Amino acid sequence: MRLKRRLTGIKGFKKQMAKKNTLTQAPPYAVEQAIKRLGANLRTARLRRNLTIGEVADKIGTGPRAVSDAEQGKITTGIAVYTALLWAYELLDPIEFLADPSTDEEGLALSMRRERARADKPEELDSDF
């Protein structure tokens, strides 16, 4: 606290505020809908398995609030919670295909037009004088 007071007295020092995350405040519509759909699908998976939110929370090592938030499709819920829920319901396998470079048609087309330049590997120094 003392340091903060001393720094605010220094000429030119400005209190820096955290930049607002506009993604969580106003995400693109498609992103928001995809997460809400994922949440609804996770809820359906839990109910079909006749599990409670508490049981699932215990299984993935988090609290019931995180599971509930994920099922509601809250944009601020971490990807680890969503991924752990997929694991808990044995639905994790398809995630390996998300953003798979071999199925990225646009990326492949762009890469064919121009390969990204890479730095050359430095030559080893010769210790022979």
N, C-alpha and C. Protein backbone atom coordinates (compact mmCIF):
# COMPACT_ATOMS: atom_id res chain seq x y z
N MET A 1 0.82 -1.18 0.00
CA MET A 1 0.00 0.00 0.00
C MET A 1 0.86 1.25 0.00
N ARG A 2 1.95 1.24 0.79
CA ARG A 2 2.84 2.41 0.84
C ARG A 2 3.48 2.66 -0.52
N LEU A 3 3.90 1.57 -1.17
CA LEU A 3 4.52 1.71 -2.48
C LEU A 3 3.55 2.35 -3.46
N LYS A 4 2.31 1.93 -3.41
CA LYS A 4 1.30 2.48 -4.31
C LYS A 4 1.15 3.99 -4.06
N ARG A 5 1.12 4.39 -2.80
CA ARG A 5 0.99 5.81 -2.48
C ARG A 5 2.20 6.58 -2.97
N ARG A 6 3.39 6.01 -2.78
CA ARG A 6 4.59 6.70 -3.22
C ARG A 6 4.63 6.82 -4.73
N LEU A 7 4.23 5.77 -5.44
CA LEU A 7 4.26 5.81 -6.89
C LEU A 7 3.24 6.80 -7.46
N THR A 8 2.10 6.91 -6.82
CA THR A 8 1.10 7.85 -7.34
C THR A 8 1.56 9.28 -7.17
N GLY A 9 2.49 9.53 -6.25
CA GLY A 9 3.02 10.87 -6.06
C GLY A 9 4.12 11.21 -7.06
N ILE A 10 4.69 10.22 -7.74
CA ILE A 10 5.76 10.47 -8.71
C ILE A 10 5.16 11.08 -9.96
N LYS A 11 5.78 12.14 -10.45
CA LYS A 11 5.29 12.83 -11.64
C LYS A 11 5.34 11.88 -12.84
N GLY A 12 4.29 11.82 -13.58
CA GLY A 12 4.23 11.00 -14.79
C GLY A 12 3.72 9.59 -14.55
N PHE A 13 3.58 9.18 -13.30
CA PHE A 13 3.08 7.84 -13.02
C PHE A 13 1.57 7.83 -13.14
N LYS A 14 1.04 6.92 -13.90
CA LYS A 14 -0.41 6.79 -14.05
C LYS A 14 -0.82 5.41 -13.58
N LYS A 15 -1.91 5.38 -12.90
CA LYS A 15 -2.44 4.09 -12.47
C LYS A 15 -2.95 3.37 -13.72
N GLN A 16 -2.42 2.18 -13.95
CA GLN A 16 -2.83 1.43 -15.13
C GLN A 16 -3.99 0.53 -14.77
N MET A 17 -5.03 0.65 -15.55
CA MET A 17 -6.20 -0.19 -15.35
C MET A 17 -6.14 -1.35 -16.32
N ALA A 18 -6.69 -2.45 -15.91
CA ALA A 18 -6.73 -3.62 -16.78
C ALA A 18 -7.61 -3.31 -17.99
N LYS A 19 -7.15 -3.72 -19.14
CA LYS A 19 -7.92 -3.51 -20.37
C LYS A 19 -9.15 -4.41 -20.35
N LYS A 20 -10.28 -3.86 -20.73
CA LYS A 20 -11.51 -4.65 -20.76
C LYS A 20 -11.44 -5.68 -21.87
N ASN A 21 -11.94 -6.86 -21.56
CA ASN A 21 -11.96 -7.94 -22.54
C ASN A 21 -13.28 -7.86 -23.29
N THR A 22 -13.24 -7.31 -24.49
CA THR A 22 -14.49 -7.14 -25.24
C THR A 22 -15.06 -8.48 -25.70
N LEU A 23 -14.23 -9.50 -25.78
CA LEU A 23 -14.74 -10.81 -26.18
C LEU A 23 -15.75 -11.33 -25.18
N THR A 24 -15.48 -11.13 -23.89
CA THR A 24 -16.42 -11.62 -22.89
C THR A 24 -17.59 -10.66 -22.69
N GLN A 25 -17.41 -9.41 -23.04
CA GLN A 25 -18.49 -8.43 -22.90
C GLN A 25 -19.49 -8.52 -24.06
N ALA A 26 -18.96 -8.65 -25.27
CA ALA A 26 -19.81 -8.71 -26.46
C ALA A 26 -19.17 -9.63 -27.50
N PRO A 27 -19.26 -10.94 -27.28
CA PRO A 27 -18.62 -11.87 -28.23
C PRO A 27 -19.35 -11.87 -29.57
N PRO A 28 -18.65 -12.27 -30.63
CA PRO A 28 -19.34 -12.43 -31.91
C PRO A 28 -20.52 -13.40 -31.74
N TYR A 29 -21.60 -13.11 -32.44
CA TYR A 29 -22.83 -13.90 -32.29
C TYR A 29 -22.56 -15.39 -32.50
N ALA A 30 -21.80 -15.73 -33.53
CA ALA A 30 -21.54 -17.15 -33.84
C ALA A 30 -20.78 -17.82 -32.69
N VAL A 31 -19.86 -17.11 -32.06
CA VAL A 31 -19.10 -17.66 -30.93
C VAL A 31 -20.02 -17.88 -29.75
N GLU A 32 -20.83 -16.90 -29.45
CA GLU A 32 -21.76 -17.01 -28.33
C GLU A 32 -22.73 -18.17 -28.51
N GLN A 33 -23.26 -18.32 -29.72
CA GLN A 33 -24.20 -19.41 -29.99
C GLN A 33 -23.53 -20.77 -29.92
N ALA A 34 -22.30 -20.87 -30.41
CA ALA A 34 -21.58 -22.15 -30.38
C ALA A 34 -21.34 -22.59 -28.93
N ILE A 35 -20.98 -21.65 -28.07
CA ILE A 35 -20.72 -22.00 -26.67
C ILE A 35 -22.02 -22.35 -25.95
N LYS A 36 -23.07 -21.63 -26.25
CA LYS A 36 -24.37 -21.96 -25.65
C LYS A 36 -24.83 -23.36 -26.09
N ARG A 37 -24.62 -23.68 -27.36
CA ARG A 37 -24.99 -25.00 -27.88
C ARG A 37 -24.15 -26.09 -27.21
N LEU A 38 -22.85 -25.83 -27.05
CA LEU A 38 -21.98 -26.78 -26.36
C LEU A 38 -22.46 -27.00 -24.93
N GLY A 39 -22.80 -25.92 -24.25
CA GLY A 39 -23.29 -26.03 -22.88
C GLY A 39 -24.56 -26.87 -22.79
N ALA A 40 -25.48 -26.62 -23.71
CA ALA A 40 -26.73 -27.38 -23.73
C ALA A 40 -26.46 -28.86 -24.01
N ASN A 41 -25.51 -29.12 -24.91
CA ASN A 41 -25.16 -30.51 -25.22
C ASN A 41 -24.52 -31.21 -24.02
N LEU A 42 -23.71 -30.47 -23.27
CA LEU A 42 -23.09 -31.05 -22.08
C LEU A 42 -24.14 -31.35 -21.01
N ARG A 43 -25.11 -30.48 -20.88
CA ARG A 43 -26.19 -30.72 -19.92
C ARG A 43 -26.97 -31.98 -20.30
N THR A 44 -27.28 -32.11 -21.59
CA THR A 44 -27.99 -33.29 -22.06
C THR A 44 -27.18 -34.55 -21.79
N ALA A 45 -25.88 -34.49 -22.04
CA ALA A 45 -25.01 -35.65 -21.78
C ALA A 45 -25.03 -36.03 -20.31
N ARG A 46 -24.99 -35.03 -19.42
CA ARG A 46 -25.02 -35.31 -17.98
C ARG A 46 -26.33 -35.94 -17.57
N LEU A 47 -27.42 -35.37 -18.05
CA LEU A 47 -28.74 -35.90 -17.68
C LEU A 47 -28.96 -37.31 -18.21
N ARG A 48 -28.50 -37.58 -19.41
CA ARG A 48 -28.64 -38.93 -19.97
C ARG A 48 -27.87 -39.96 -19.15
N ARG A 49 -26.81 -39.51 -18.51
CA ARG A 49 -26.00 -40.41 -17.68
C ARG A 49 -26.51 -40.45 -16.24
N ASN A 50 -27.59 -39.72 -15.98
CA ASN A 50 -28.23 -39.67 -14.67
C ASN A 50 -27.24 -39.23 -13.58
N LEU A 51 -26.47 -38.19 -13.90
CA LEU A 51 -25.49 -37.66 -12.95
C LEU A 51 -25.95 -36.29 -12.45
N THR A 52 -25.58 -35.97 -11.24
CA THR A 52 -25.87 -34.64 -10.71
C THR A 52 -24.71 -33.71 -11.04
N ILE A 53 -24.96 -32.42 -10.93
CA ILE A 53 -23.89 -31.44 -11.15
C ILE A 53 -22.77 -31.67 -10.15
N GLY A 54 -23.13 -31.96 -8.91
CA GLY A 54 -22.13 -32.21 -7.87
C GLY A 54 -21.25 -33.41 -8.17
N GLU A 55 -21.86 -34.47 -8.66
CA GLU A 55 -21.09 -35.68 -8.99
C GLU A 55 -20.09 -35.40 -10.11
N VAL A 56 -20.54 -34.67 -11.10
CA VAL A 56 -19.65 -34.35 -12.22
C VAL A 56 -18.55 -33.41 -11.76
N ALA A 57 -18.91 -32.44 -10.95
CA ALA A 57 -17.92 -31.49 -10.43
C ALA A 57 -16.83 -32.24 -9.66
N ASP A 58 -17.23 -33.19 -8.82
CA ASP A 58 -16.25 -33.99 -8.07
C ASP A 58 -15.35 -34.79 -9.02
N LYS A 59 -15.94 -35.34 -10.05
CA LYS A 59 -15.18 -36.17 -10.99
C LYS A 59 -14.12 -35.37 -11.72
N ILE A 60 -14.43 -34.12 -12.10
CA ILE A 60 -13.46 -33.33 -12.86
C ILE A 60 -12.61 -32.43 -11.96
N GLY A 61 -12.92 -32.43 -10.65
CA GLY A 61 -12.09 -31.68 -9.72
C GLY A 61 -12.37 -30.19 -9.69
N THR A 62 -13.61 -29.81 -9.80
CA THR A 62 -13.99 -28.40 -9.72
C THR A 62 -15.24 -28.27 -8.88
N GLY A 63 -15.76 -27.08 -8.78
CA GLY A 63 -16.98 -26.87 -8.01
C GLY A 63 -18.22 -26.95 -8.88
N PRO A 64 -19.38 -27.11 -8.26
CA PRO A 64 -20.63 -27.20 -9.01
C PRO A 64 -20.92 -25.94 -9.82
N ARG A 65 -20.46 -24.79 -9.34
CA ARG A 65 -20.71 -23.53 -10.06
C ARG A 65 -20.08 -23.55 -11.45
N ALA A 66 -18.87 -24.09 -11.56
CA ALA A 66 -18.19 -24.15 -12.85
C ALA A 66 -18.95 -25.05 -13.82
N VAL A 67 -19.46 -26.16 -13.33
CA VAL A 67 -20.22 -27.08 -14.18
C VAL A 67 -21.52 -26.40 -14.62
N SER A 68 -22.19 -25.76 -13.70
CA SER A 68 -23.44 -25.05 -14.01
C SER A 68 -23.19 -23.95 -15.03
N ASP A 69 -22.12 -23.18 -14.83
CA ASP A 69 -21.79 -22.11 -15.78
C ASP A 69 -21.52 -22.66 -17.18
N ALA A 70 -20.81 -23.78 -17.25
CA ALA A 70 -20.52 -24.40 -18.55
C ALA A 70 -21.81 -24.85 -19.22
N GLU A 71 -22.70 -25.45 -18.46
CA GLU A 71 -23.96 -25.93 -19.03
C GLU A 71 -24.84 -24.77 -19.50
N GLN A 72 -24.67 -23.62 -18.89
CA GLN A 72 -25.41 -22.44 -19.32
C GLN A 72 -24.74 -21.74 -20.49
N GLY A 73 -23.55 -22.21 -20.86
CA GLY A 73 -22.84 -21.64 -22.00
C GLY A 73 -22.27 -20.27 -21.71
N LYS A 74 -21.82 -20.07 -20.48
CA LYS A 74 -21.23 -18.78 -20.13
C LYS A 74 -19.88 -18.62 -20.82
N ILE A 75 -19.72 -17.48 -21.46
CA ILE A 75 -18.52 -17.22 -22.26
C ILE A 75 -17.26 -17.13 -21.41
N THR A 76 -17.41 -16.81 -20.13
CA THR A 76 -16.24 -16.64 -19.26
C THR A 76 -15.75 -17.96 -18.64
N THR A 77 -16.48 -19.04 -18.84
CA THR A 77 -16.06 -20.34 -18.32
C THR A 77 -14.84 -20.81 -19.11
N GLY A 78 -13.84 -21.28 -18.40
CA GLY A 78 -12.58 -21.69 -19.04
C GLY A 78 -12.71 -22.93 -19.90
N ILE A 79 -11.87 -22.99 -20.91
CA ILE A 79 -11.89 -24.14 -21.83
C ILE A 79 -11.55 -25.43 -21.09
N ALA A 80 -10.79 -25.33 -20.00
CA ALA A 80 -10.45 -26.53 -19.23
C ALA A 80 -11.70 -27.18 -18.65
N VAL A 81 -12.67 -26.37 -18.23
CA VAL A 81 -13.91 -26.92 -17.68
C VAL A 81 -14.68 -27.64 -18.78
N TYR A 82 -14.83 -26.99 -19.93
CA TYR A 82 -15.54 -27.62 -21.05
C TYR A 82 -14.85 -28.91 -21.48
N THR A 83 -13.54 -28.88 -21.57
CA THR A 83 -12.79 -30.07 -21.99
C THR A 83 -12.89 -31.18 -20.95
N ALA A 84 -12.82 -30.83 -19.67
CA ALA A 84 -12.95 -31.84 -18.62
C ALA A 84 -14.34 -32.48 -18.63
N LEU A 85 -15.36 -31.68 -18.91
CA LEU A 85 -16.71 -32.24 -18.99
C LEU A 85 -16.83 -33.21 -20.16
N LEU A 86 -16.24 -32.85 -21.29
CA LEU A 86 -16.23 -33.77 -22.44
C LEU A 86 -15.53 -35.08 -22.05
N TRP A 87 -14.43 -34.96 -21.33
CA TRP A 87 -13.71 -36.15 -20.86
C TRP A 87 -14.58 -36.99 -19.93
N ALA A 88 -15.26 -36.33 -19.00
CA ALA A 88 -16.09 -37.03 -18.02
C ALA A 88 -17.19 -37.84 -18.69
N TYR A 89 -17.68 -37.33 -19.81
CA TYR A 89 -18.77 -38.02 -20.53
C TYR A 89 -18.24 -38.90 -21.66
N GLU A 90 -16.92 -39.07 -21.71
CA GLU A 90 -16.26 -39.86 -22.76
C GLU A 90 -16.60 -39.36 -24.15
N LEU A 91 -16.60 -38.02 -24.28
CA LEU A 91 -16.88 -37.39 -25.56
C LEU A 91 -15.68 -36.57 -26.06
N LEU A 92 -14.53 -36.82 -25.49
CA LEU A 92 -13.35 -36.01 -25.78
C LEU A 92 -12.70 -36.34 -27.12
N ASP A 93 -12.85 -37.54 -27.62
CA ASP A 93 -12.15 -37.95 -28.84
C ASP A 93 -12.33 -37.00 -30.03
N PRO A 94 -13.55 -36.53 -30.32
CA PRO A 94 -13.69 -35.66 -31.49
C PRO A 94 -12.95 -34.32 -31.37
N ILE A 95 -12.52 -33.94 -30.18
CA ILE A 95 -11.86 -32.64 -30.02
C ILE A 95 -10.51 -32.61 -30.74
N GLU A 96 -9.91 -33.77 -30.97
CA GLU A 96 -8.62 -33.79 -31.67
C GLU A 96 -8.74 -33.29 -33.10
N PHE A 97 -9.93 -33.26 -33.62
CA PHE A 97 -10.12 -32.80 -34.99
C PHE A 97 -10.39 -31.30 -35.09
N LEU A 98 -10.57 -30.64 -33.95
CA LEU A 98 -10.78 -29.20 -33.97
C LEU A 98 -9.50 -28.51 -34.43
N ALA A 99 -9.63 -27.63 -35.38
CA ALA A 99 -8.50 -26.86 -35.91
C ALA A 99 -7.38 -27.74 -36.43
N ASP A 100 -7.72 -28.92 -36.95
CA ASP A 100 -6.73 -29.83 -37.51
C ASP A 100 -6.14 -29.20 -38.78
N PRO A 101 -4.84 -28.97 -38.82
CA PRO A 101 -4.22 -28.33 -39.98
C PRO A 101 -4.46 -29.07 -41.30
N SER A 102 -4.63 -30.38 -41.24
CA SER A 102 -4.83 -31.14 -42.47
C SER A 102 -6.23 -30.94 -43.07
N THR A 103 -7.16 -30.42 -42.29
CA THR A 103 -8.51 -30.16 -42.80
C THR A 103 -8.78 -28.67 -42.98
N ASP A 104 -7.78 -27.84 -42.76
CA ASP A 104 -7.91 -26.39 -42.90
C ASP A 104 -7.69 -26.00 -44.36
N GLU A 105 -8.77 -26.05 -45.14
CA GLU A 105 -8.67 -25.81 -46.58
C GLU A 105 -8.13 -24.43 -46.90
N GLU A 106 -8.62 -23.43 -46.23
CA GLU A 106 -8.13 -22.07 -46.49
C GLU A 106 -6.66 -21.94 -46.13
N GLY A 107 -6.28 -22.46 -44.98
CA GLY A 107 -4.89 -22.41 -44.56
C GLY A 107 -3.97 -23.15 -45.52
N LEU A 108 -4.42 -24.31 -46.00
CA LEU A 108 -3.62 -25.08 -46.95
C LEU A 108 -3.45 -24.33 -48.26
N ALA A 109 -4.53 -23.70 -48.73
CA ALA A 109 -4.46 -22.94 -49.98
C ALA A 109 -3.50 -21.77 -49.83
N LEU A 110 -3.58 -21.07 -48.72
CA LEU A 110 -2.67 -19.95 -48.49
C LEU A 110 -1.23 -20.42 -48.38
N SER A 111 -1.03 -21.55 -47.76
CA SER A 111 0.32 -22.07 -47.59
C SER A 111 0.92 -22.49 -48.93
N MET A 112 0.10 -22.96 -49.84
CA MET A 112 0.59 -23.34 -51.17
C MET A 112 1.06 -22.11 -51.95
N ARG A 113 0.41 -20.99 -51.71
CA ARG A 113 0.77 -19.77 -52.44
C ARG A 113 2.10 -19.22 -51.95
N ARG A 114 2.31 -19.27 -50.67
CA ARG A 114 3.57 -18.75 -50.12
C ARG A 114 3.88 -19.47 -48.82
N GLU A 115 4.97 -20.17 -48.82
CA GLU A 115 5.41 -20.84 -47.60
C GLU A 115 6.01 -19.80 -46.68
N ARG A 116 5.78 -19.96 -45.43
CA ARG A 116 6.31 -19.05 -44.43
C ARG A 116 7.82 -19.20 -44.35
N ALA A 117 8.53 -18.10 -44.35
CA ALA A 117 9.98 -18.13 -44.28
C ALA A 117 10.41 -18.56 -42.88
N ARG A 118 11.42 -19.37 -42.82
CA ARG A 118 11.95 -19.82 -41.54
C ARG A 118 13.41 -19.40 -41.43
N ALA A 119 13.82 -19.16 -40.25
CA ALA A 119 15.22 -18.80 -40.02
C ALA A 119 16.08 -20.03 -40.27
N ASP A 120 17.24 -19.79 -40.86
CA ASP A 120 18.18 -20.88 -41.09
C ASP A 120 18.78 -21.32 -39.77
N LYS A 121 19.08 -22.60 -39.69
CA LYS A 121 19.72 -23.13 -38.49
C LYS A 121 21.16 -22.62 -38.46
N PRO A 122 21.55 -22.04 -37.34
CA PRO A 122 22.92 -21.50 -37.29
C PRO A 122 23.95 -22.62 -37.42
N GLU A 123 25.05 -22.29 -38.13
CA GLU A 123 26.11 -23.27 -38.30
C GLU A 123 26.85 -23.43 -36.98
N GLU A 124 27.34 -24.63 -36.73
CA GLU A 124 28.09 -24.88 -35.51
C GLU A 124 29.45 -24.21 -35.63
N LEU A 125 29.91 -23.69 -34.52
CA LEU A 125 31.22 -23.03 -34.50
C LEU A 125 32.33 -24.09 -34.55
N ASP A 126 33.34 -23.78 -35.30
CA ASP A 126 34.47 -24.69 -35.43
C ASP A 126 35.51 -24.32 -34.38
N SER A 127 35.91 -25.26 -33.57
CA SER A 127 36.89 -24.97 -32.53
C SER A 127 38.32 -25.24 -33.01
N ASP A 128 38.48 -25.51 -34.31
CA ASP A 128 39.81 -25.77 -34.86
C ASP A 128 40.45 -24.45 -35.27
N PHE A 129 41.55 -24.06 -34.61
CA PHE A 129 42.20 -22.79 -34.90
C PHE A 129 43.38 -22.98 -35.76
